[in-house]
Structure formats: C-alpha cells, structure tokens
C-alpha atoms as a PDB file:
ATOM      1  CA  MET A   1       0.000   0.000   0.000  1.00  0.00           C
ATOM      2  CA  ALA A   2       1.423   3.398  -0.990  1.00  0.00           C
ATOM      3  CA  LYS A   3       1.714   6.078   1.619  1.00  0.00           C
ATOM      4  CA  ASP A   4      -0.291   9.268   1.131  1.00  0.00           C
ATOM      5  CA  TYR A   5       1.721  11.471   3.454  1.00  0.00           C
ATOM      6  CA  VAL A   6       4.879  13.359   2.486  1.00  0.00           C
ATOM      7  CA  ASP A   7       8.071  13.298   4.549  1.00  0.00           C
ATOM      8  CA  ILE A   8       8.685  16.730   6.062  1.00  0.00           C
ATOM      9  CA  GLY A   9      11.971  17.069   4.153  1.00  0.00           C
ATOM     10  CA  HIS A  10       9.995  17.057   0.900  1.00  0.00           C
ATOM     11  CA  LEU A  11       7.949  20.095   1.930  1.00  0.00           C
ATOM     12  CA  ASN A  12      10.537  22.250   0.192  1.00  0.00           C
ATOM     13  CA  ASN A  13       8.526  24.730  -1.892  1.00  0.00           C
ATOM     14  CA  LYS A  14       7.165  28.058  -0.671  1.00  0.00           C
ATOM     15  CA  LEU A  15       3.471  28.598  -1.243  1.00  0.00           C
ATOM     16  CA  ILE A  16       1.883  32.012  -0.718  1.00  0.00           C
ATOM     17  CA  VAL A  17      -1.725  31.894   0.470  1.00  0.00           C
ATOM     18  CA  LYS A  18      -3.848  34.910  -0.432  1.00  0.00           C
ATOM     19  CA  SER A  19      -7.331  35.944   0.575  1.00  0.00           C
ATOM     20  CA  VAL A  20      -9.711  37.887  -1.636  1.00  0.00           C
ATOM     21  CA  ASN A  21     -12.333  39.910   0.184  1.00  0.00           C
ATOM     22  CA  PRO A  22     -15.192  41.240  -1.934  1.00  0.00           C
ATOM     23  CA  THR A  23     -15.822  44.974  -1.783  1.00  0.00           C
ATOM     24  CA  THR A  24     -19.062  46.842  -2.294  1.00  0.00           C
ATOM     25  CA  ASP A  25     -19.208  49.098  -5.317  1.00  0.00           C
ATOM     26  CA  SER A  26     -21.124  52.390  -5.582  1.00  0.00           C
ATOM     27  CA  GLY A  27     -24.156  50.603  -7.017  1.00  0.00           C
ATOM     28  CA  GLY A  28     -24.448  48.294  -4.004  1.00  0.00           C
ATOM     29  CA  GLY A  29     -23.053  45.262  -5.831  1.00  0.00           C
ATOM     30  CA  ALA A  30     -20.046  43.218  -4.858  1.00  0.00           C
ATOM     31  CA  THR A  31     -16.793  43.250  -6.775  1.00  0.00           C
ATOM     32  CA  GLU A  32     -13.759  41.068  -6.268  1.00  0.00           C
ATOM     33  CA  GLY A  33     -11.222  42.857  -4.113  1.00  0.00           C
ATOM     34  CA  THR A  34      -7.454  42.871  -4.333  1.00  0.00           C
ATOM     35  CA  PRO A  35      -5.803  39.644  -3.096  1.00  0.00           C
ATOM     36  CA  THR A  36      -3.876  40.111   0.149  1.00  0.00           C
ATOM     37  CA  THR A  37      -1.206  37.740   1.444  1.00  0.00           C
ATOM     38  CA  VAL A  38      -2.339  35.797   4.501  1.00  0.00           C
ATOM     39  CA  THR A  39       0.653  33.524   5.026  1.00  0.00           C
ATOM     40  CA  THR A  40       3.537  31.731   3.370  1.00  0.00           C
ATOM     41  CA  ILE A  41       3.878  27.995   4.019  1.00  0.00           C
ATOM     42  CA  TRP A  42       6.149  25.143   2.980  1.00  0.00           C
ATOM     43  CA  CYS A  43       4.634  22.541   0.714  1.00  0.00           C
ATOM     44  CA  ASN A  44       5.258  19.730  -1.725  1.00  0.00           C
ATOM     45  CA  ILE A  45       3.726  20.614  -5.075  1.00  0.00           C
ATOM     46  CA  LYS A  46       3.554  18.588  -8.249  1.00  0.00           C
ATOM     47  CA  PRO A  47       1.470  18.613 -11.403  1.00  0.00           C
ATOM     48  CA  MET A  48      -1.134  15.884 -11.583  1.00  0.00           C
ATOM     49  CA  THR A  49      -0.421  13.258 -14.204  1.00  0.00           C
ATOM     50  CA  GLY A  50      -2.339  10.576 -16.020  1.00  0.00           C
ATOM     51  CA  ASN A  51      -6.073  10.006 -16.186  1.00  0.00           C
ATOM     52  CA  ARG A  52      -6.828  11.893 -12.995  1.00  0.00           C
ATOM     53  CA  ALA A  53      -5.243  15.062 -14.394  1.00  0.00           C
ATOM     54  CA  LEU A  54      -7.184  14.687 -17.636  1.00  0.00           C
ATOM     55  CA  GLU A  55     -10.399  14.172 -15.679  1.00  0.00           C
ATOM     56  CA  PHE A  56      -9.686  17.136 -13.414  1.00  0.00           C
ATOM     57  CA  ALA A  57      -8.670  19.444 -16.279  1.00  0.00           C
ATOM     58  CA  GLN A  58     -12.000  18.760 -17.976  1.00  0.00           C
ATOM     59  CA  ILE A  59     -13.784  19.957 -14.848  1.00  0.00           C
ATOM     60  CA  THR A  60     -11.674  23.059 -14.217  1.00  0.00           C
ATOM     61  CA  ASN A  61     -10.355  24.002 -17.655  1.00  0.00           C
ATOM     62  CA  GLY A  62      -6.914  24.398 -16.154  1.00  0.00           C
ATOM     63  CA  LYS A  63      -3.667  22.646 -15.264  1.00  0.00           C
ATOM     64  CA  PRO A  64      -4.172  20.676 -12.025  1.00  0.00           C
ATOM     65  CA  TYR A  65      -1.690  20.361  -9.143  1.00  0.00           C
ATOM     66  CA  GLU A  66      -1.510  18.291  -5.967  1.00  0.00           C
ATOM     67  CA  ILE A  67      -0.115  20.204  -3.008  1.00  0.00           C
ATOM     68  CA  VAL A  68       0.702  18.681   0.394  1.00  0.00           C
ATOM     69  CA  ILE A  69       1.043  20.925   3.460  1.00  0.00           C
ATOM     70  CA  ASN A  70       1.295  20.489   7.212  1.00  0.00           C
ATOM     71  CA  TYR A  71      -1.531  21.860   9.359  1.00  0.00           C
ATOM     72  CA  PRO A  72      -2.271  23.711  11.539  1.00  0.00           C
ATOM     73  CA  ILE A  73      -0.917  26.936  10.156  1.00  0.00           C
ATOM     74  CA  GLY A  74      -2.158  29.176  12.923  1.00  0.00           C
ATOM     75  CA  ASP A  75      -5.805  30.150  13.169  1.00  0.00           C
ATOM     76  CA  PHE A  76      -6.194  30.213   9.402  1.00  0.00           C
ATOM     77  CA  THR A  77      -7.784  27.580   7.170  1.00  0.00           C
ATOM     78  CA  ILE A  78      -7.372  27.187   3.429  1.00  0.00           C
ATOM     79  CA  ASP A  79     -10.513  26.744   1.361  1.00  0.00           C
ATOM     80  CA  GLU A  80     -11.926  27.369  -2.117  1.00  0.00           C
ATOM     81  CA  THR A  81     -11.978  31.147  -1.566  1.00  0.00           C
ATOM     82  CA  ASN A  82      -8.181  31.374  -1.373  1.00  0.00           C
ATOM     83  CA  ILE A  83      -5.689  31.993  -4.156  1.00  0.00           C
ATOM     84  CA  LEU A  84      -2.302  30.284  -4.011  1.00  0.00           C
ATOM     85  CA  THR A  85       0.900  31.572  -5.594  1.00  0.00           C
ATOM     86  CA  PHE A  86       3.829  29.307  -6.399  1.00  0.00           C
ATOM     87  CA  ASP A  87       6.726  30.820  -8.358  1.00  0.00           C
ATOM     88  CA  SER A  88       4.907  32.830 -11.035  1.00  0.00           C
ATOM     89  CA  ARG A  89       1.876  30.516 -11.081  1.00  0.00           C
ATOM     90  CA  ILE A  90      -1.476  31.596  -9.681  1.00  0.00           C
ATOM     91  CA  LEU A  91      -3.559  28.662  -8.486  1.00  0.00           C
ATOM     92  CA  THR A  92      -7.215  28.410  -7.546  1.00  0.00           C
ATOM     93  CA  VAL A  93      -8.146  25.960  -4.782  1.00  0.00           C
ATOM     94  CA  HIS A  94     -10.527  23.209  -5.820  1.00  0.00           C
ATOM     95  CA  SER A  95     -10.519  21.090  -2.649  1.00  0.00           C
ATOM     96  CA  VAL A  96      -8.683  20.506   0.645  1.00  0.00           C
ATOM     97  CA  VAL A  97      -8.603  17.022   2.219  1.00  0.00           C
ATOM     98  CA  GLN A  98      -6.873  15.727   5.356  1.00  0.00           C
ATOM     99  CA  ILE A  99      -4.632  12.810   4.315  1.00  0.00           C
ATOM    100  CA  ASP A 100      -2.977  11.878   7.608  1.00  0.00           C
ATOM    101  CA  GLU A 101      -4.572  12.700  10.946  1.00  0.00           C
ATOM    102  CA  SER A 102      -1.543  11.892  13.093  1.00  0.00           C
ATOM    103  CA  LEU A 103       0.847  13.959  10.959  1.00  0.00           C
ATOM    104  CA  LYS A 104      -1.755  16.666  10.335  1.00  0.00           C
ATOM    105  CA  GLN A 105      -1.067  16.761   6.607  1.00  0.00           C
ATOM    106  CA  TYR A 106      -3.531  17.996   4.035  1.00  0.00           C
ATOM    107  CA  LYS A 107      -3.722  17.602   0.283  1.00  0.00           C
ATOM    108  CA  ILE A 108      -4.885  20.573  -1.729  1.00  0.00           C
ATOM    109  CA  ILE A 109      -6.066  20.089  -5.275  1.00  0.00           C
ATOM    110  CA  ALA A 110      -5.621  23.359  -7.130  1.00  0.00           C
ATOM    111  CA  TYR A 111      -5.494  24.436 -10.739  1.00  0.00           C
ATOM    112  CA  GLU A 112      -3.783  27.031 -12.832  1.00  0.00           C
ATOM    113  CA  LYS A 113      -5.942  28.684 -15.477  1.00  0.00           C
ATOM    114  CA  VAL A 114      -4.508  28.230 -18.948  1.00  0.00           C
END
C-alpha cells in the first residue's frame, strides 16, 4: 500500500496563500477585491499526471496540481476562496482534504488557469 503522506523534508517549496475579500461598489453590488497575502507555508507541489489530471482538467479548464502541506498553520484555514501563488503561477483551490490525521497533513487540489 502506498503512503499518502509526504516526509517533512519534501515540503521544500514556498506557497503564498492569499485571501480575496469582496468589496461593495457604488451601485451596491459586490466586486472582487485585491488579493492580500495571509501567510507563506512550505509545501510539496507537483502537477497531476495521467487520467486523474485529464479528468480534473475537464472539470476546471486548467492545469491541475496536488499540493501537500502540514496543518495547523495558525488560526487560518485554506478553502476554495483562497488563491495560491507558487513561483509565477497563480492557483485556484478546488478542494482541501486531510490525508494523515496523526501527521496533520492535508492535500490541496488546485489548478492554474490556462
């Protein structure tokens, strides 16, 4: 059986987590605000390959990535409203799943718009 968790030494990429808070425009509607950096965390990030990537890309119309992080990261949680930045890539969160309860590791599935 393959392990799902990632050894801590492989969490060697910096991931910037940003939050986007909607603002109210003059007409009373909501507009997307400017992303602000919430935190920077260490992660393991890799493009998804094979059938799963093809399946995922059809859903999101983007290039999918699997990202593993350690939690907790303070009083902040990552969800579908966050934007992630890795190198020059801007990623949108699709889902966050706990993969190892004892190690407190989570897998984020995110995609880069192409």
